[in-house]
PDB file of N, CA and C in Angstrom:
ATOM      1  N   UNK A   1     -10.713  -2.933 -11.157  1.00  0.00           N
ATOM      2  CA  UNK A   1     -10.058  -2.380  -9.918  1.00  0.00           C
ATOM      3  C   UNK A   1      -9.038  -1.123 -10.134  1.00  0.00           C
ATOM      4  N   UNK A   2      -8.884  -0.960 -11.681  1.00  0.00           N
ATOM      5  CA  UNK A   2      -8.402   0.239 -11.188  1.00  0.00           C
ATOM      6  C   UNK A   2      -9.660   1.568 -10.590  1.00  0.00           C
ATOM      7  N   UNK A   3     -10.909   1.563 -11.363  1.00  0.00           N
ATOM      8  CA  UNK A   3     -11.750   2.504 -10.763  1.00  0.00           C
ATOM      9  C   UNK A   3     -11.736   2.394  -9.113  1.00  0.00           C
ATOM     10  N   UNK A   4     -11.577   1.295  -8.208  1.00  0.00           N
ATOM     11  CA  UNK A   4     -11.867   1.542  -6.764  1.00  0.00           C
ATOM     12  C   UNK A   4     -10.516   1.875  -6.327  1.00  0.00           C
ATOM     13  N   UNK A   5      -9.512   2.019  -7.149  1.00  0.00           N
ATOM     14  CA  UNK A   5      -8.318   2.275  -6.739  1.00  0.00           C
ATOM     15  C   UNK A   5      -8.328   3.859  -6.684  1.00  0.00           C
ATOM     16  N   UNK A   6      -9.081   4.367  -8.062  1.00  0.00           N
ATOM     17  CA  UNK A   6      -8.935   5.802  -8.008  1.00  0.00           C
ATOM     18  C   UNK A   6      -9.623   6.550  -7.372  1.00  0.00           C
ATOM     19  N   UNK A   7     -10.742   5.774  -6.532  1.00  0.00           N
ATOM     20  CA  UNK A   7     -12.021   6.273  -6.327  1.00  0.00           C
ATOM     21  C   UNK A   7     -11.439   6.246  -4.562  1.00  0.00           C
ATOM     22  N   UNK A   8     -10.702   5.304  -4.263  1.00  0.00           N
ATOM     23  CA  UNK A   8      -9.983   5.163  -2.964  1.00  0.00           C
ATOM     24  C   UNK A   8      -8.970   6.508  -2.694  1.00  0.00           C
ATOM     25  N   UNK A   9      -8.071   6.452  -3.742  1.00  0.00           N
ATOM     26  CA  UNK A   9      -7.164   7.476  -4.012  1.00  0.00           C
ATOM     27  C   UNK A   9      -8.103   9.053  -3.702  1.00  0.00           C
ATOM     28  N   UNK A  10      -8.945   9.083  -4.518  1.00  0.00           N
ATOM     29  CA  UNK A  10      -9.805  10.764  -4.451  1.00  0.00           C
ATOM     30  C   UNK A  10     -10.255  10.613  -3.286  1.00  0.00           C
ATOM     31  N   UNK A  11     -10.679   9.613  -2.542  1.00  0.00           N
ATOM     32  CA  UNK A  11     -11.197  10.115  -1.324  1.00  0.00           C
ATOM     33  C   UNK A  11     -10.203  10.079  -0.218  1.00  0.00           C
ATOM     34  N   UNK A  12      -9.210   9.683  -0.584  1.00  0.00           N
ATOM     35  CA  UNK A  12      -8.069  10.187   0.615  1.00  0.00           C
ATOM     36  C   UNK A  12      -7.685  11.271   0.368  1.00  0.00           C
ATOM     37  N   UNK A  13      -7.648  12.104  -0.913  1.00  0.00           N
ATOM     38  CA  UNK A  13      -6.744  13.098  -1.122  1.00  0.00           C
ATOM     39  C   UNK A  13      -5.379  12.690  -2.117  1.00  0.00           C
ATOM     40  N   UNK A  14      -5.074  11.776  -2.423  1.00  0.00           N
ATOM     41  CA  UNK A  14      -3.912  11.106  -2.984  1.00  0.00           C
ATOM     42  C   UNK A  14      -3.892  11.089  -4.465  1.00  0.00           C
ATOM     43  N   UNK A  15      -5.140  11.626  -4.773  1.00  0.00           N
ATOM     44  CA  UNK A  15      -4.758  11.566  -6.776  1.00  0.00           C
ATOM     45  C   UNK A  15      -4.674  13.045  -7.256  1.00  0.00           C
ATOM     46  N   UNK A  16      -3.852  13.063  -8.925  1.00  0.00           N
ATOM     47  CA  UNK A  16      -2.735  14.319  -9.020  1.00  0.00           C
ATOM     48  C   UNK A  16      -1.531  14.342  -8.541  1.00  0.00           C
ATOM     49  N   UNK A  17      -1.119  15.083  -9.427  1.00  0.00           N
ATOM     50  CA  UNK A  17       0.476  15.151  -9.482  1.00  0.00           C
ATOM     51  C   UNK A  17       0.997  16.514  -8.470  1.00  0.00           C
ATOM     52  N   UNK A  18       0.061  17.518  -7.776  1.00  0.00           N
ATOM     53  CA  UNK A  18       0.567  18.433  -7.216  1.00  0.00           C
ATOM     54  C   UNK A  18       0.725  17.618  -5.623  1.00  0.00           C
ATOM     55  N   UNK A  19       1.975  18.661  -4.914  1.00  0.00           N
ATOM     56  CA  UNK A  19       2.540  18.236  -3.542  1.00  0.00           C
ATOM     57  C   UNK A  19       2.064  18.886  -2.656  1.00  0.00           C
ATOM     58  N   UNK A  20       1.531  18.475  -1.991  1.00  0.00           N
ATOM     59  CA  UNK A  20       1.082  18.805  -0.235  1.00  0.00           C
ATOM     60  C   UNK A  20       1.790  18.393   0.473  1.00  0.00           C
ATOM     61  N   UNK A  21       1.547  18.900   2.099  1.00  0.00           N
ATOM     62  CA  UNK A  21       2.305  18.647   3.279  1.00  0.00           C
ATOM     63  C   UNK A  21       1.284  17.608   3.924  1.00  0.00           C
ATOM     64  N   UNK A  22       0.080  17.700   3.494  1.00  0.00           N
ATOM     65  CA  UNK A  22      -0.736  16.295   4.360  1.00  0.00           C
ATOM     66  C   UNK A  22      -0.948  15.046   3.462  1.00  0.00           C
ATOM     67  N   UNK A  23      -0.918  15.161   2.028  1.00  0.00           N
ATOM     68  CA  UNK A  23      -0.523  14.114   1.164  1.00  0.00           C
ATOM     69  C   UNK A  23       1.071  13.405   1.926  1.00  0.00           C
ATOM     70  N   UNK A  24       1.803  14.023   1.681  1.00  0.00           N
ATOM     71  CA  UNK A  24       3.066  13.299   2.619  1.00  0.00           C
ATOM     72  C   UNK A  24       3.409  13.220   3.797  1.00  0.00           C
ATOM     73  N   UNK A  25       2.349  13.639   4.648  1.00  0.00           N
ATOM     74  CA  UNK A  25       2.115  12.929   6.026  1.00  0.00           C
ATOM     75  C   UNK A  25       1.538  11.665   5.956  1.00  0.00           C
ATOM     76  N   UNK A  26       0.473  11.573   5.664  1.00  0.00           N
ATOM     77  CA  UNK A  26      -0.184  10.460   4.778  1.00  0.00           C
ATOM     78  C   UNK A  26       0.311   9.547   4.528  1.00  0.00           C
ATOM     79  N   UNK A  27       1.444   9.761   3.665  1.00  0.00           N
ATOM     80  CA  UNK A  27       1.990   8.813   3.036  1.00  0.00           C
ATOM     81  C   UNK A  27       3.232   8.406   3.725  1.00  0.00           C
ATOM     82  N   UNK A  28       3.805   9.307   4.747  1.00  0.00           N
ATOM     83  CA  UNK A  28       4.989   8.859   6.402  1.00  0.00           C
ATOM     84  C   UNK A  28       4.243   7.497   7.003  1.00  0.00           C
ATOM     85  N   UNK A  29       2.711   8.245   7.118  1.00  0.00           N
ATOM     86  CA  UNK A  29       2.129   7.396   8.500  1.00  0.00           C
ATOM     87  C   UNK A  29       1.666   5.883   7.723  1.00  0.00           C
ATOM     88  N   UNK A  30       1.309   6.222   6.566  1.00  0.00           N
ATOM     89  CA  UNK A  30       1.405   4.313   5.682  1.00  0.00           C
ATOM     90  C   UNK A  30       2.208   3.737   5.838  1.00  0.00           C
ATOM     91  N   UNK A  31       3.720   4.513   5.445  1.00  0.00           N
ATOM     92  CA  UNK A  31       4.970   3.699   5.374  1.00  0.00           C
ATOM     93  C   UNK A  31       5.239   3.008   6.934  1.00  0.00           C
ATOM     94  N   UNK A  32       5.333   3.531   7.792  1.00  0.00           N
ATOM     95  CA  UNK A  32       4.758   3.035   9.270  1.00  0.00           C
ATOM     96  C   UNK A  32       4.301   2.176   9.232  1.00  0.00           C
ATOM     97  N   UNK A  33       3.049   1.916   8.616  1.00  0.00           N
ATOM     98  CA  UNK A  33       2.310   0.812   9.276  1.00  0.00           C
ATOM     99  C   UNK A  33       2.972  -0.188   8.491  1.00  0.00           C
ATOM    100  N   UNK A  34       3.209  -0.219   6.979  1.00  0.00           N
ATOM    101  CA  UNK A  34       3.721  -0.986   6.618  1.00  0.00           C
ATOM    102  C   UNK A  34       5.578  -1.635   7.195  1.00  0.00           C
ATOM    103  N   UNK A  35       6.357  -0.744   7.409  1.00  0.00           N
ATOM    104  CA  UNK A  35       7.350  -1.092   8.421  1.00  0.00           C
ATOM    105  C   UNK A  35       6.680  -2.115   9.475  1.00  0.00           C
ATOM    106  N   UNK A  36       5.686  -2.009  10.370  1.00  0.00           N
ATOM    107  CA  UNK A  36       5.261  -2.629  11.396  1.00  0.00           C
ATOM    108  C   UNK A  36       5.108  -4.056  11.020  1.00  0.00           C
ATOM    109  N   UNK A  37       4.604  -4.512   9.774  1.00  0.00           N
ATOM    110  CA  UNK A  37       4.002  -5.402   8.848  1.00  0.00           C
ATOM    111  C   UNK A  37       5.279  -6.442   9.318  1.00  0.00           C
ATOM    112  N   UNK A  38       6.486  -5.747   9.148  1.00  0.00           N
ATOM    113  CA  UNK A  38       7.843  -7.170   9.015  1.00  0.00           C
ATOM    114  C   UNK A  38       7.699  -7.736  10.421  1.00  0.00           C
ATOM    115  N   UNK A  39       7.199  -7.000  11.205  1.00  0.00           N
ATOM    116  CA  UNK A  39       7.444  -7.814  12.427  1.00  0.00           C
ATOM    117  C   UNK A  39       6.574  -8.897  12.985  1.00  0.00           C
ATOM    118  N   UNK A  40       5.801  -9.504  11.864  1.00  0.00           N
ATOM    119  CA  UNK A  40       4.897 -10.232  11.475  1.00  0.00           C
ATOM    120  C   UNK A  40       5.926 -11.606  11.078  1.00  0.00           C
ATOM    121  N   UNK A  41       4.801 -13.141  11.888  1.00  0.00           N
ATOM    122  CA  UNK A  41       5.506 -13.972  11.080  1.00  0.00           C
ATOM    123  C   UNK A  41       4.822 -14.085   9.951  1.00  0.00           C
ATOM    124  N   UNK A  42       5.612 -15.096   9.248  1.00  0.00           N
ATOM    125  CA  UNK A  42       4.943 -15.305   7.590  1.00  0.00           C
ATOM    126  C   UNK A  42       3.189 -16.224   7.607  1.00  0.00           C
ATOM    127  N   UNK A  43       3.415 -16.694   8.748  1.00  0.00           N
ATOM    128  CA  UNK A  43       1.743 -17.691   8.782  1.00  0.00           C
ATOM    129  C   UNK A  43       0.632 -16.251   9.153  1.00  0.00           C
ATOM    130  N   UNK A  44       0.934 -15.198   9.863  1.00  0.00           N
ATOM    131  CA  UNK A  44       0.128 -14.019   9.944  1.00  0.00           C
ATOM    132  C   UNK A  44       0.306 -13.507   8.487  1.00  0.00           C
ATOM    133  N   UNK A  45       1.246 -12.781   7.633  1.00  0.00           N
ATOM    134  CA  UNK A  45       1.382 -12.663   6.837  1.00  0.00           C
ATOM    135  C   UNK A  45       0.288 -13.186   5.467  1.00  0.00           C
ATOM    136  N   UNK A  46       0.813 -14.455   5.863  1.00  0.00           N
ATOM    137  CA  UNK A  46      -0.042 -15.047   4.607  1.00  0.00           C
ATOM    138  C   UNK A  46      -1.666 -15.351   4.683  1.00  0.00           C
ATOM    139  N   UNK A  47      -2.119 -15.211   6.476  1.00  0.00           N
ATOM    140  CA  UNK A  47      -3.246 -15.271   6.457  1.00  0.00           C
ATOM    141  C   UNK A  47      -4.088 -13.804   6.070  1.00  0.00           C
ATOM    142  N   UNK A  48      -3.270 -12.410   6.128  1.00  0.00           N
ATOM    143  CA  UNK A  48      -3.774 -11.219   5.215  1.00  0.00           C
ATOM    144  C   UNK A  48      -3.428 -10.965   4.086  1.00  0.00           C
ATOM    145  N   UNK A  49      -2.722 -11.989   3.592  1.00  0.00           N
ATOM    146  CA  UNK A  49      -2.639 -12.072   1.941  1.00  0.00           C
ATOM    147  C   UNK A  49      -1.370 -11.498   1.632  1.00  0.00           C
ATOM    148  N   UNK A  50      -0.287 -11.086   2.221  1.00  0.00           N
ATOM    149  CA  UNK A  50       0.388 -10.178   1.875  1.00  0.00           C
ATOM    150  C   UNK A  50       2.062 -11.178   1.936  1.00  0.00           C
ATOM    151  N   UNK A  51       3.497 -11.281   1.211  1.00  0.00           N
ATOM    152  CA  UNK A  51       4.070 -11.710   1.271  1.00  0.00           C
ATOM    153  C   UNK A  51       5.359 -10.469   1.853  1.00  0.00           C
ATOM    154  N   UNK A  52       6.141 -11.446   2.142  1.00  0.00           N
ATOM    155  CA  UNK A  52       7.493 -10.432   2.390  1.00  0.00           C
ATOM    156  C   UNK A  52       8.294  -9.750   1.564  1.00  0.00           C
ATOM    157  N   UNK A  53       8.268 -10.392   0.274  1.00  0.00           N
ATOM    158  CA  UNK A  53       8.894  -9.115  -0.813  1.00  0.00           C
ATOM    159  C   UNK A  53       7.869  -8.130  -1.259  1.00  0.00           C
ATOM    160  N   UNK A  54       6.817  -8.211  -0.810  1.00  0.00           N
ATOM    161  CA  UNK A  54       5.447  -7.385  -1.325  1.00  0.00           C
ATOM    162  C   UNK A  54       5.713  -6.213  -0.165  1.00  0.00           C
ATOM    163  N   UNK A  55       5.945  -6.927   1.212  1.00  0.00           N
ATOM    164  CA  UNK A  55       6.561  -5.177   2.357  1.00  0.00           C
ATOM    165  C   UNK A  55       7.959  -4.779   1.499  1.00  0.00           C
ATOM    166  N   UNK A  56       8.997  -5.348   1.469  1.00  0.00           N
ATOM    167  CA  UNK A  56       9.753  -4.822   0.459  1.00  0.00           C
ATOM    168  C   UNK A  56       9.963  -4.016   0.280  1.00  0.00           C
ATOM    169  N   UNK A  57       8.902  -4.719  -1.565  1.00  0.00           N
ATOM    170  CA  UNK A  57       8.677  -3.580  -2.651  1.00  0.00           C
ATOM    171  C   UNK A  57       7.900  -2.355  -1.813  1.00  0.00           C
ATOM    172  N   UNK A  58       6.693  -2.258  -1.500  1.00  0.00           N
ATOM    173  CA  UNK A  58       6.027  -1.165  -0.819  1.00  0.00           C
ATOM    174  C   UNK A  58       7.174  -0.024   0.337  1.00  0.00           C
ATOM    175  N   UNK A  59       7.436  -0.966   0.807  1.00  0.00           N
ATOM    176  CA  UNK A  59       8.710   0.090   1.770  1.00  0.00           C
ATOM    177  C   UNK A  59       9.920   0.750   0.988  1.00  0.00           C
ATOM    178  N   UNK A  60      10.042   0.150  -0.626  1.00  0.00           N
ATOM    179  CA  UNK A  60      10.750   1.109  -1.390  1.00  0.00           C
ATOM    180  C   UNK A  60      10.410   1.756  -2.489  1.00  0.00           C
ATOM    181  N   UNK A  61       9.161   2.438  -2.358  1.00  0.00           N
ATOM    182  CA  UNK A  61       8.356   3.081  -3.063  1.00  0.00           C
ATOM    183  C   UNK A  61       9.049   4.664  -2.861  1.00  0.00           C
ATOM    184  N   UNK A  62       8.890   5.617  -3.608  1.00  0.00           N
ATOM    185  CA  UNK A  62       8.913   6.880  -3.297  1.00  0.00           C
ATOM    186  C   UNK A  62       8.031   7.499  -2.131  1.00  0.00           C
ATOM    187  N   UNK A  63       8.174   8.524  -1.476  1.00  0.00           N
ATOM    188  CA  UNK A  63       7.167   8.831  -0.467  1.00  0.00           C
ATOM    189  C   UNK A  63       6.264   9.882  -0.932  1.00  0.00           C
ATOM    190  N   UNK A  64       6.241  10.165  -2.951  1.00  0.00           N
ATOM    191  CA  UNK A  64       5.242  10.316  -2.986  1.00  0.00           C
ATOM    192  C   UNK A  64       3.887   9.476  -3.485  1.00  0.00           C
ATOM    193  N   UNK A  65       3.934   8.300  -3.047  1.00  0.00           N
ATOM    194  CA  UNK A  65       2.977   6.882  -3.319  1.00  0.00           C
ATOM    195  C   UNK A  65       2.509   6.843  -2.105  1.00  0.00           C
ATOM    196  N   UNK A  66       1.628   6.958  -1.923  1.00  0.00           N
ATOM    197  CA  UNK A  66       0.889   5.970  -0.184  1.00  0.00           C
ATOM    198  C   UNK A  66       1.373   3.944  -0.548  1.00  0.00           C
ATOM    199  N   UNK A  67       1.936   3.849   0.516  1.00  0.00           N
ATOM    200  CA  UNK A  67       2.622   2.468   0.245  1.00  0.00           C
ATOM    201  C   UNK A  67       1.512   1.480   0.696  1.00  0.00           C
ATOM    202  N   UNK A  68       0.835   1.773   1.724  1.00  0.00           N
ATOM    203  CA  UNK A  68      -0.416   0.860   2.106  1.00  0.00           C
ATOM    204  C   UNK A  68      -1.400   1.023   0.896  1.00  0.00           C
ATOM    205  N   UNK A  69      -1.758   1.449  -0.110  1.00  0.00           N
ATOM    206  CA  UNK A  69      -3.212   1.758  -0.801  1.00  0.00           C
ATOM    207  C   UNK A  69      -1.923   0.676  -1.961  1.00  0.00           C
ATOM    208  N   UNK A  70      -0.508   1.261  -2.228  1.00  0.00           N
ATOM    209  CA  UNK A  70      -0.218   0.336  -3.139  1.00  0.00           C
ATOM    210  C   UNK A  70       0.241  -1.209  -2.648  1.00  0.00           C
ATOM    211  N   UNK A  71       0.469  -1.454  -2.001  1.00  0.00           N
ATOM    212  CA  UNK A  71       0.427  -2.846  -1.151  1.00  0.00           C
ATOM    213  C   UNK A  71      -1.008  -3.443  -1.497  1.00  0.00           C
ATOM    214  N   UNK A  72      -1.884  -2.592  -0.822  1.00  0.00           N
ATOM    215  CA  UNK A  72      -3.335  -3.315  -1.063  1.00  0.00           C
ATOM    216  C   UNK A  72      -3.563  -3.614  -2.093  1.00  0.00           C
ATOM    217  N   UNK A  73      -3.458  -2.974  -3.425  1.00  0.00           N
ATOM    218  CA  UNK A  73      -3.626  -3.067  -4.851  1.00  0.00           C
ATOM    219  C   UNK A  73      -2.957  -4.489  -4.845  1.00  0.00           C
ATOM    220  N   UNK A  74      -1.288  -4.422  -4.843  1.00  0.00           N
ATOM    221  CA  UNK A  74      -0.929  -5.426  -5.594  1.00  0.00           C
ATOM    222  C   UNK A  74      -0.933  -6.805  -4.695  1.00  0.00           C
ATOM    223  N   UNK A  75      -1.456  -7.055  -3.234  1.00  0.00           N
ATOM    224  CA  UNK A  75      -1.514  -8.376  -3.055  1.00  0.00           C
ATOM    225  C   UNK A  75      -3.542  -8.217  -3.473  1.00  0.00           C
ATOM    226  N   UNK A  76      -4.547  -7.691  -3.823  1.00  0.00           N
ATOM    227  CA  UNK A  76      -5.557  -8.138  -4.346  1.00  0.00           C
ATOM    228  C   UNK A  76      -5.568  -7.893  -5.721  1.00  0.00           C
ATOM    229  N   UNK A  77      -3.927  -7.999  -6.577  1.00  0.00           N
ATOM    230  CA  UNK A  77      -4.157  -8.324  -8.393  1.00  0.00           C
ATOM    231  C   UNK A  77      -3.576  -9.666  -7.999  1.00  0.00           C
ATOM    232  N   UNK A  78      -2.591  -9.766  -6.957  1.00  0.00           N
ATOM    233  CA  UNK A  78      -2.447 -11.636  -7.027  1.00  0.00           C
ATOM    234  C   UNK A  78      -2.907 -12.267  -6.482  1.00  0.00           C
ATOM    235  N   UNK A  79      -4.007 -11.960  -5.668  1.00  0.00           N
ATOM    236  CA  UNK A  79      -5.037 -13.015  -5.311  1.00  0.00           C
ATOM    237  C   UNK A  79      -6.105 -12.998  -6.347  1.00  0.00           C
ATOM    238  N   UNK A  80      -6.253 -12.284  -7.023  1.00  0.00           N
ATOM    239  CA  UNK A  80      -7.311 -12.469  -8.215  1.00  0.00           C
ATOM    240  C   UNK A  80      -6.862 -12.871  -9.433  1.00  0.00           C
ATOM    241  N   UNK A  81      -5.217 -13.018  -9.529  1.00  0.00           N
ATOM    242  CA  UNK A  81      -4.586 -14.025 -10.342  1.00  0.00           C
ATOM    243  C   UNK A  81      -4.834 -15.527 -10.006  1.00  0.00           C
ATOM    244  N   UNK A  82      -4.706 -16.063  -8.500  1.00  0.00           N
ATOM    245  CA  UNK A  82      -4.681 -17.181  -8.253  1.00  0.00           C
ATOM    246  C   UNK A  82      -6.111 -18.014  -8.328  1.00  0.00           C
ATOM    247  N   UNK A  83      -7.095 -16.935  -8.340  1.00  0.00           N
ATOM    248  CA  UNK A  83      -8.400 -17.962  -8.817  1.00  0.00           C
ATOM    249  C   UNK A  83      -8.572 -18.354  -9.980  1.00  0.00           C
TER     250      UNK A  83
END
């Protein structure tokens, strides 16, 4: 899973500690996508494997973190623990 997350971050340009406007903008767009998930009902969220508390957690992350990638990784980890 760590290799997948690192490869995904590298392909999106999110790896590394340097600040860039493009990275900040991408993270801001990802945060808006996360905010749209709050409008979904619990059944739809369960279908896509996300819980409301995960959305709140992702929304609280700093803008230096891509919240969509973090949420995806967290829900993947939770789903693999259930198996």
